[in-house]
Amino acid sequence: MIIEIEGYQIKAFVSGKKCTAGKLQWQMKKVMERIVDDQHFVSLFCHLFDYEEIVYSDETEADYVIDTDIHRVYKPVYG
């Protein structure tokens, strides 16, 4: 499963085991409770939940997006 993480000065893709939007929302909340600024979100998210950061590409299609600005997880629509 590929997840795009976006926010203020953050654009990253991570790869890991498949899970639901609800579980991703819970994971995002746990990381947000531990960090002061979003710059450390990706590394802590990967460390806590066994994800691996992969090379960012505009052509990669994510299964879910975690938006750290609005604290929301959603399924992207590609056209």
PDB file of N, CA and C in Angstrom:
ATOM      1  N   MET A   1       0.856  -1.171   0.000  1.00  0.00           N
ATOM      2  CA  MET A   1       0.000   0.000   0.000  1.00  0.00           C
ATOM      3  C   MET A   1       0.901   1.232   0.000  1.00  0.00           C
ATOM      4  N   ILE A   2       0.530   2.215  -0.791  1.00  0.00           N
ATOM      5  CA  ILE A   2       1.285   3.459  -0.875  1.00  0.00           C
ATOM      6  C   ILE A   2       0.458   4.589  -0.293  1.00  0.00           C
ATOM      7  N   ILE A   3       1.091   5.358   0.576  1.00  0.00           N
ATOM      8  CA  ILE A   3       0.427   6.489   1.226  1.00  0.00           C
ATOM      9  C   ILE A   3       1.206   7.754   0.900  1.00  0.00           C
ATOM     10  N   GLU A   4       0.498   8.776   0.472  1.00  0.00           N
ATOM     11  CA  GLU A   4       1.118  10.085   0.262  1.00  0.00           C
ATOM     12  C   GLU A   4       0.917  10.897   1.531  1.00  0.00           C
ATOM     13  N   ILE A   5       1.981  11.497   2.007  1.00  0.00           N
ATOM     14  CA  ILE A   5       1.895  12.369   3.172  1.00  0.00           C
ATOM     15  C   ILE A   5       2.184  13.778   2.682  1.00  0.00           C
ATOM     16  N   GLU A   6       1.230  14.660   2.909  1.00  0.00           N
ATOM     17  CA  GLU A   6       1.431  16.042   2.464  1.00  0.00           C
ATOM     18  C   GLU A   6       1.056  17.007   3.568  1.00  0.00           C
ATOM     19  N   GLY A   7       1.703  18.138   3.528  1.00  0.00           N
ATOM     20  CA  GLY A   7       1.458  19.176   4.518  1.00  0.00           C
ATOM     21  C   GLY A   7       2.375  20.342   4.236  1.00  0.00           C
ATOM     22  N   TYR A   8       2.475  21.259   5.176  1.00  0.00           N
ATOM     23  CA  TYR A   8       3.331  22.420   5.016  1.00  0.00           C
ATOM     24  C   TYR A   8       4.776  21.959   4.872  1.00  0.00           C
ATOM     25  N   GLN A   9       5.353  22.150   3.712  1.00  0.00           N
ATOM     26  CA  GLN A   9       6.725  21.760   3.371  1.00  0.00           C
ATOM     27  C   GLN A   9       6.960  20.254   3.468  1.00  0.00           C
ATOM     28  N   ILE A  10       5.903  19.459   3.318  1.00  0.00           N
ATOM     29  CA  ILE A  10       6.038  17.998   3.319  1.00  0.00           C
ATOM     30  C   ILE A  10       5.372  17.434   2.064  1.00  0.00           C
ATOM     31  N   LYS A  11       6.108  16.616   1.345  1.00  0.00           N
ATOM     32  CA  LYS A  11       5.590  15.834   0.223  1.00  0.00           C
ATOM     33  C   LYS A  11       6.367  14.544   0.249  1.00  0.00           C
ATOM     34  N   ALA A  12       5.722  13.447   0.647  1.00  0.00           N
ATOM     35  CA  ALA A  12       6.429  12.169   0.749  1.00  0.00           C
ATOM     36  C   ALA A  12       5.490  11.026   0.414  1.00  0.00           C
ATOM     37  N   PHE A  13       6.096   9.940  -0.033  1.00  0.00           N
ATOM     38  CA  PHE A  13       5.382   8.684  -0.217  1.00  0.00           C
ATOM     39  C   PHE A  13       5.997   7.663   0.724  1.00  0.00           C
ATOM     40  N   VAL A  14       5.138   6.871   1.351  1.00  0.00           N
ATOM     41  CA  VAL A  14       5.605   5.759   2.170  1.00  0.00           C
ATOM     42  C   VAL A  14       4.879   4.500   1.724  1.00  0.00           C
ATOM     43  N   SER A  15       5.524   3.381   1.950  1.00  0.00           N
ATOM     44  CA  SER A  15       4.964   2.096   1.556  1.00  0.00           C
ATOM     45  C   SER A  15       4.932   1.185   2.778  1.00  0.00           C
ATOM     46  N   GLY A  16       3.855   0.422   2.881  1.00  0.00           N
ATOM     47  CA  GLY A  16       3.738  -0.496   4.008  1.00  0.00           C
ATOM     48  C   GLY A  16       2.566  -1.427   3.839  1.00  0.00           C
ATOM     49  N   LYS A  17       2.267  -2.127   4.908  1.00  0.00           N
ATOM     50  CA  LYS A  17       1.186  -3.106   4.838  1.00  0.00           C
ATOM     51  C   LYS A  17      -0.171  -2.418   4.695  1.00  0.00           C
ATOM     52  N   LYS A  18      -1.082  -3.137   4.099  1.00  0.00           N
ATOM     53  CA  LYS A  18      -2.416  -2.615   3.827  1.00  0.00           C
ATOM     54  C   LYS A  18      -3.192  -2.391   5.125  1.00  0.00           C
ATOM     55  N   CYS A  19      -3.921  -1.266   5.183  1.00  0.00           N
ATOM     56  CA  CYS A  19      -4.786  -1.014   6.334  1.00  0.00           C
ATOM     57  C   CYS A  19      -5.935  -0.097   5.911  1.00  0.00           C
ATOM     58  N   THR A  20      -6.829   0.163   6.814  1.00  0.00           N
ATOM     59  CA  THR A  20      -8.014   0.957   6.512  1.00  0.00           C
ATOM     60  C   THR A  20      -7.752   2.446   6.738  1.00  0.00           C
ATOM     61  N   ALA A  21      -8.645   3.269   6.226  1.00  0.00           N
ATOM     62  CA  ALA A  21      -8.559   4.712   6.453  1.00  0.00           C
ATOM     63  C   ALA A  21      -8.685   5.025   7.937  1.00  0.00           C
ATOM     64  N   GLY A  22      -9.520   4.286   8.625  1.00  0.00           N
ATOM     65  CA  GLY A  22      -9.692   4.488  10.061  1.00  0.00           C
ATOM     66  C   GLY A  22      -8.414   4.221  10.841  1.00  0.00           C
ATOM     67  N   LYS A  23      -7.721   3.159  10.470  1.00  0.00           N
ATOM     68  CA  LYS A  23      -6.463   2.849  11.148  1.00  0.00           C
ATOM     69  C   LYS A  23      -5.408   3.909  10.827  1.00  0.00           C
ATOM     70  N   LEU A  24      -5.370   4.377   9.586  1.00  0.00           N
ATOM     71  CA  LEU A  24      -4.432   5.447   9.222  1.00  0.00           C
ATOM     72  C   LEU A  24      -4.726   6.720  10.008  1.00  0.00           C
ATOM     73  N   GLN A  25      -6.002   7.022  10.194  1.00  0.00           N
ATOM     74  CA  GLN A  25      -6.398   8.197  10.977  1.00  0.00           C
ATOM     75  C   GLN A  25      -5.878   8.064  12.412  1.00  0.00           C
ATOM     76  N   TRP A  26      -6.005   6.871  12.984  1.00  0.00           N
ATOM     77  CA  TRP A  26      -5.518   6.612  14.335  1.00  0.00           C
ATOM     78  C   TRP A  26      -3.992   6.759  14.386  1.00  0.00           C
ATOM     79  N   GLN A  27      -3.295   6.197  13.376  1.00  0.00           N
ATOM     80  CA  GLN A  27      -1.840   6.293  13.319  1.00  0.00           C
ATOM     81  C   GLN A  27      -1.401   7.749  13.200  1.00  0.00           C
ATOM     82  N   MET A  28      -2.082   8.514  12.344  1.00  0.00           N
ATOM     83  CA  MET A  28      -1.752   9.926  12.179  1.00  0.00           C
ATOM     84  C   MET A  28      -1.908  10.661  13.511  1.00  0.00           C
ATOM     85  N   LYS A  29      -2.988  10.383  14.220  1.00  0.00           N
ATOM     86  CA  LYS A  29      -3.239  11.030  15.509  1.00  0.00           C
ATOM     87  C   LYS A  29      -2.129  10.717  16.509  1.00  0.00           C
ATOM     88  N   LYS A  30      -1.697   9.466  16.559  1.00  0.00           N
ATOM     89  CA  LYS A  30      -0.630   9.068  17.481  1.00  0.00           C
ATOM     90  C   LYS A  30       0.676   9.802  17.180  1.00  0.00           C
ATOM     91  N   VAL A  31       0.994   9.966  15.912  1.00  0.00           N
ATOM     92  CA  VAL A  31       2.216  10.688  15.534  1.00  0.00           C
ATOM     93  C   VAL A  31       2.077  12.166  15.878  1.00  0.00           C
ATOM     94  N   MET A  32       0.923  12.758  15.582  1.00  0.00           N
ATOM     95  CA  MET A  32       0.709  14.185  15.849  1.00  0.00           C
ATOM     96  C   MET A  32       0.806  14.495  17.350  1.00  0.00           C
ATOM     97  N   GLU A  33       0.439  13.543  18.191  1.00  0.00           N
ATOM     98  CA  GLU A  33       0.548  13.734  19.642  1.00  0.00           C
ATOM     99  C   GLU A  33       1.999  13.808  20.106  1.00  0.00           C
ATOM    100  N   ARG A  34       2.918  13.253  19.324  1.00  0.00           N
ATOM    101  CA  ARG A  34       4.315  13.146  19.746  1.00  0.00           C
ATOM    102  C   ARG A  34       5.243  14.193  19.135  1.00  0.00           C
ATOM    103  N   ILE A  35       4.795  14.916  18.121  1.00  0.00           N
ATOM    104  CA  ILE A  35       5.711  15.848  17.456  1.00  0.00           C
ATOM    105  C   ILE A  35       5.331  17.287  17.734  1.00  0.00           C
ATOM    106  N   VAL A  36       6.332  18.161  17.623  1.00  0.00           N
ATOM    107  CA  VAL A  36       6.108  19.593  17.818  1.00  0.00           C
ATOM    108  C   VAL A  36       5.807  20.256  16.483  1.00  0.00           C
ATOM    109  N   ASP A  37       6.528  19.845  15.439  1.00  0.00           N
ATOM    110  CA  ASP A  37       6.262  20.387  14.100  1.00  0.00           C
ATOM    111  C   ASP A  37       6.183  19.236  13.097  1.00  0.00           C
ATOM    112  N   ASP A  38       5.537  19.508  11.985  1.00  0.00           N
ATOM    113  CA  ASP A  38       5.279  18.466  10.987  1.00  0.00           C
ATOM    114  C   ASP A  38       6.535  17.942  10.293  1.00  0.00           C
ATOM    115  N   GLN A  39       7.660  18.624  10.417  1.00  0.00           N
ATOM    116  CA  GLN A  39       8.877  18.223   9.711  1.00  0.00           C
ATOM    117  C   GLN A  39       9.350  16.825  10.098  1.00  0.00           C
ATOM    118  N   HIS A  40       8.991  16.362  11.280  1.00  0.00           N
ATOM    119  CA  HIS A  40       9.412  15.037  11.735  1.00  0.00           C
ATOM    120  C   HIS A  40       8.316  13.985  11.569  1.00  0.00           C
ATOM    121  N   PHE A  41       7.208  14.372  10.968  1.00  0.00           N
ATOM    122  CA  PHE A  41       6.064  13.464  10.850  1.00  0.00           C
ATOM    123  C   PHE A  41       6.429  12.187  10.100  1.00  0.00           C
ATOM    124  N   VAL A  42       7.029  12.323   8.920  1.00  0.00           N
ATOM    125  CA  VAL A  42       7.288  11.158   8.066  1.00  0.00           C
ATOM    126  C   VAL A  42       8.214  10.162   8.750  1.00  0.00           C
ATOM    127  N   SER A  43       9.305  10.641   9.312  1.00  0.00           N
ATOM    128  CA  SER A  43      10.258   9.722   9.934  1.00  0.00           C
ATOM    129  C   SER A  43       9.651   9.016  11.149  1.00  0.00           C
ATOM    130  N   LEU A  44       8.892   9.734  11.962  1.00  0.00           N
ATOM    131  CA  LEU A  44       8.268   9.101  13.125  1.00  0.00           C
ATOM    132  C   LEU A  44       7.162   8.139  12.710  1.00  0.00           C
ATOM    133  N   PHE A  45       6.367   8.514  11.714  1.00  0.00           N
ATOM    134  CA  PHE A  45       5.309   7.647  11.190  1.00  0.00           C
ATOM    135  C   PHE A  45       5.912   6.323  10.714  1.00  0.00           C
ATOM    136  N   CYS A  46       6.993   6.418   9.949  1.00  0.00           N
ATOM    137  CA  CYS A  46       7.651   5.205   9.438  1.00  0.00           C
ATOM    138  C   CYS A  46       8.209   4.368  10.581  1.00  0.00           C
ATOM    139  N   HIS A  47       8.830   5.005  11.531  1.00  0.00           N
ATOM    140  CA  HIS A  47       9.439   4.299  12.661  1.00  0.00           C
ATOM    141  C   HIS A  47       8.395   3.581  13.522  1.00  0.00           C
ATOM    142  N   LEU A  48       7.318   4.282  13.853  1.00  0.00           N
ATOM    143  CA  LEU A  48       6.312   3.708  14.748  1.00  0.00           C
ATOM    144  C   LEU A  48       5.492   2.588  14.110  1.00  0.00           C
ATOM    145  N   PHE A  49       5.203   2.728  12.820  1.00  0.00           N
ATOM    146  CA  PHE A  49       4.245   1.815  12.200  1.00  0.00           C
ATOM    147  C   PHE A  49       4.821   0.972  11.064  1.00  0.00           C
ATOM    148  N   ASP A  50       6.150   0.893  11.005  1.00  0.00           N
ATOM    149  CA  ASP A  50       6.838   0.004  10.074  1.00  0.00           C
ATOM    150  C   ASP A  50       6.522   0.299   8.605  1.00  0.00           C
ATOM    151  N   TYR A  51       6.581   1.572   8.241  1.00  0.00           N
ATOM    152  CA  TYR A  51       6.472   1.984   6.844  1.00  0.00           C
ATOM    153  C   TYR A  51       7.855   2.357   6.347  1.00  0.00           C
ATOM    154  N   GLU A  52       8.020   2.396   5.041  1.00  0.00           N
ATOM    155  CA  GLU A  52       9.299   2.757   4.441  1.00  0.00           C
ATOM    156  C   GLU A  52       9.070   3.930   3.485  1.00  0.00           C
ATOM    157  N   GLU A  53       9.873   4.975   3.622  1.00  0.00           N
ATOM    158  CA  GLU A  53       9.755   6.109   2.705  1.00  0.00           C
ATOM    159  C   GLU A  53      10.293   5.691   1.346  1.00  0.00           C
ATOM    160  N   ILE A  54       9.556   6.040   0.295  1.00  0.00           N
ATOM    161  CA  ILE A  54       9.973   5.717  -1.071  1.00  0.00           C
ATOM    162  C   ILE A  54      10.137   7.017  -1.850  1.00  0.00           C
ATOM    163  N   VAL A  55      10.755   6.926  -3.004  1.00  0.00           N
ATOM    164  CA  VAL A  55      11.038   8.102  -3.820  1.00  0.00           C
ATOM    165  C   VAL A  55       9.731   8.775  -4.240  1.00  0.00           C
ATOM    166  N   TYR A  56       9.682  10.096  -4.072  1.00  0.00           N
ATOM    167  CA  TYR A  56       8.482  10.852  -4.436  1.00  0.00           C
ATOM    168  C   TYR A  56       8.452  11.061  -5.941  1.00  0.00           C
ATOM    169  N   SER A  57       7.304  10.825  -6.534  1.00  0.00           N
ATOM    170  CA  SER A  57       7.111  11.043  -7.964  1.00  0.00           C
ATOM    171  C   SER A  57       5.685  11.502  -8.212  1.00  0.00           C
ATOM    172  N   ASP A  58       5.529  12.480  -9.086  1.00  0.00           N
ATOM    173  CA  ASP A  58       4.186  12.966  -9.441  1.00  0.00           C
ATOM    174  C   ASP A  58       3.375  11.898 -10.174  1.00  0.00           C
ATOM    175  N   GLU A  59       4.044  10.880 -10.694  1.00  0.00           N
ATOM    176  CA  GLU A  59       3.346   9.837 -11.437  1.00  0.00           C
ATOM    177  C   GLU A  59       2.866   8.685 -10.555  1.00  0.00           C
ATOM    178  N   THR A  60       3.286   8.639  -9.312  1.00  0.00           N
ATOM    179  CA  THR A  60       2.862   7.581  -8.400  1.00  0.00           C
ATOM    180  C   THR A  60       1.452   7.861  -7.897  1.00  0.00           C
ATOM    181  N   GLU A  61       0.625   6.843  -7.896  1.00  0.00           N
ATOM    182  CA  GLU A  61      -0.739   6.978  -7.392  1.00  0.00           C
ATOM    183  C   GLU A  61      -0.834   6.317  -6.019  1.00  0.00           C
ATOM    184  N   ALA A  62      -1.254   7.090  -5.048  1.00  0.00           N
ATOM    185  CA  ALA A  62      -1.346   6.615  -3.672  1.00  0.00           C
ATOM    186  C   ALA A  62      -2.707   5.973  -3.401  1.00  0.00           C
ATOM    187  N   ASP A  63      -2.723   5.038  -2.471  1.00  0.00           N
ATOM    188  CA  ASP A  63      -3.976   4.430  -2.021  1.00  0.00           C
ATOM    189  C   ASP A  63      -4.717   5.383  -1.084  1.00  0.00           C
ATOM    190  N   TYR A  64      -3.946   6.122  -0.256  1.00  0.00           N
ATOM    191  CA  TYR A  64      -4.515   7.108   0.655  1.00  0.00           C
ATOM    192  C   TYR A  64      -3.584   8.307   0.751  1.00  0.00           C
ATOM    193  N   VAL A  65      -4.138   9.424   1.177  1.00  0.00           N
ATOM    194  CA  VAL A  65      -3.363  10.629   1.448  1.00  0.00           C
ATOM    195  C   VAL A  65      -3.569  10.987   2.916  1.00  0.00           C
ATOM    196  N   ILE A  66      -2.470  11.287   3.596  1.00  0.00           N
ATOM    197  CA  ILE A  66      -2.540  11.842   4.949  1.00  0.00           C
ATOM    198  C   ILE A  66      -2.166  13.307   4.814  1.00  0.00           C
ATOM    199  N   ASP A  67      -3.099  14.194   5.122  1.00  0.00           N
ATOM    200  CA  ASP A  67      -2.857  15.626   5.059  1.00  0.00           C
ATOM    201  C   ASP A  67      -2.625  16.135   6.475  1.00  0.00           C
ATOM    202  N   THR A  68      -1.390  16.503   6.770  1.00  0.00           N
ATOM    203  CA  THR A  68      -1.051  16.925   8.135  1.00  0.00           C
ATOM    204  C   THR A  68      -1.532  18.339   8.440  1.00  0.00           C
ATOM    205  N   ASP A  69      -1.863  19.117   7.409  1.00  0.00           N
ATOM    206  CA  ASP A  69      -2.373  20.472   7.639  1.00  0.00           C
ATOM    207  C   ASP A  69      -3.781  20.457   8.218  1.00  0.00           C
ATOM    208  N   ILE A  70      -4.607  19.577   7.677  1.00  0.00           N
ATOM    209  CA  ILE A  70      -6.010  19.546   8.110  1.00  0.00           C
ATOM    210  C   ILE A  70      -6.337  18.297   8.937  1.00  0.00           C
ATOM    211  N   HIS A  71      -5.309  17.488   9.210  1.00  0.00           N
ATOM    212  CA  HIS A  71      -5.452  16.273  10.029  1.00  0.00           C
ATOM    213  C   HIS A  71      -6.526  15.350   9.461  1.00  0.00           C
ATOM    214  N   ARG A  72      -6.380  15.046   8.185  1.00  0.00           N
ATOM    215  CA  ARG A  72      -7.391  14.251   7.492  1.00  0.00           C
ATOM    216  C   ARG A  72      -6.742  13.151   6.661  1.00  0.00           C
ATOM    217  N   VAL A  73      -7.386  12.006   6.602  1.00  0.00           N
ATOM    218  CA  VAL A  73      -6.977  10.906   5.730  1.00  0.00           C
ATOM    219  C   VAL A  73      -8.079  10.734   4.693  1.00  0.00           C
ATOM    220  N   TYR A  74      -7.682  10.647   3.424  1.00  0.00           N
ATOM    221  CA  TYR A  74      -8.691  10.458   2.378  1.00  0.00           C
ATOM    222  C   TYR A  74      -8.125   9.649   1.230  1.00  0.00           C
ATOM    223  N   LYS A  75      -9.038   9.089   0.447  1.00  0.00           N
ATOM    224  CA  LYS A  75      -8.681   8.312  -0.747  1.00  0.00           C
ATOM    225  C   LYS A  75      -8.636   9.284  -1.918  1.00  0.00           C
ATOM    226  N   PRO A  76      -7.494   9.412  -2.583  1.00  0.00           N
ATOM    227  CA  PRO A  76      -7.393  10.374  -3.692  1.00  0.00           C
ATOM    228  C   PRO A  76      -8.140   9.882  -4.930  1.00  0.00           C
ATOM    229  N   VAL A  77      -8.530  10.831  -5.764  1.00  0.00           N
ATOM    230  CA  VAL A  77      -9.187  10.529  -7.027  1.00  0.00           C
ATOM    231  C   VAL A  77      -8.259  10.958  -8.153  1.00  0.00           C
ATOM    232  N   TYR A  78      -7.925  10.031  -8.997  1.00  0.00           N
ATOM    233  CA  TYR A  78      -7.047  10.330 -10.131  1.00  0.00           C
ATOM    234  C   TYR A  78      -7.879  10.304 -11.402  1.00  0.00           C
ATOM    235  N   GLY A  79      -7.633  11.251 -12.272  1.00  0.00           N
ATOM    236  CA  GLY A  79      -8.441  11.341 -13.482  1.00  0.00           C
ATOM    237  C   GLY A  79      -7.643  11.087 -14.655  1.00  0.00           C
TER     238      GLY A  79
END
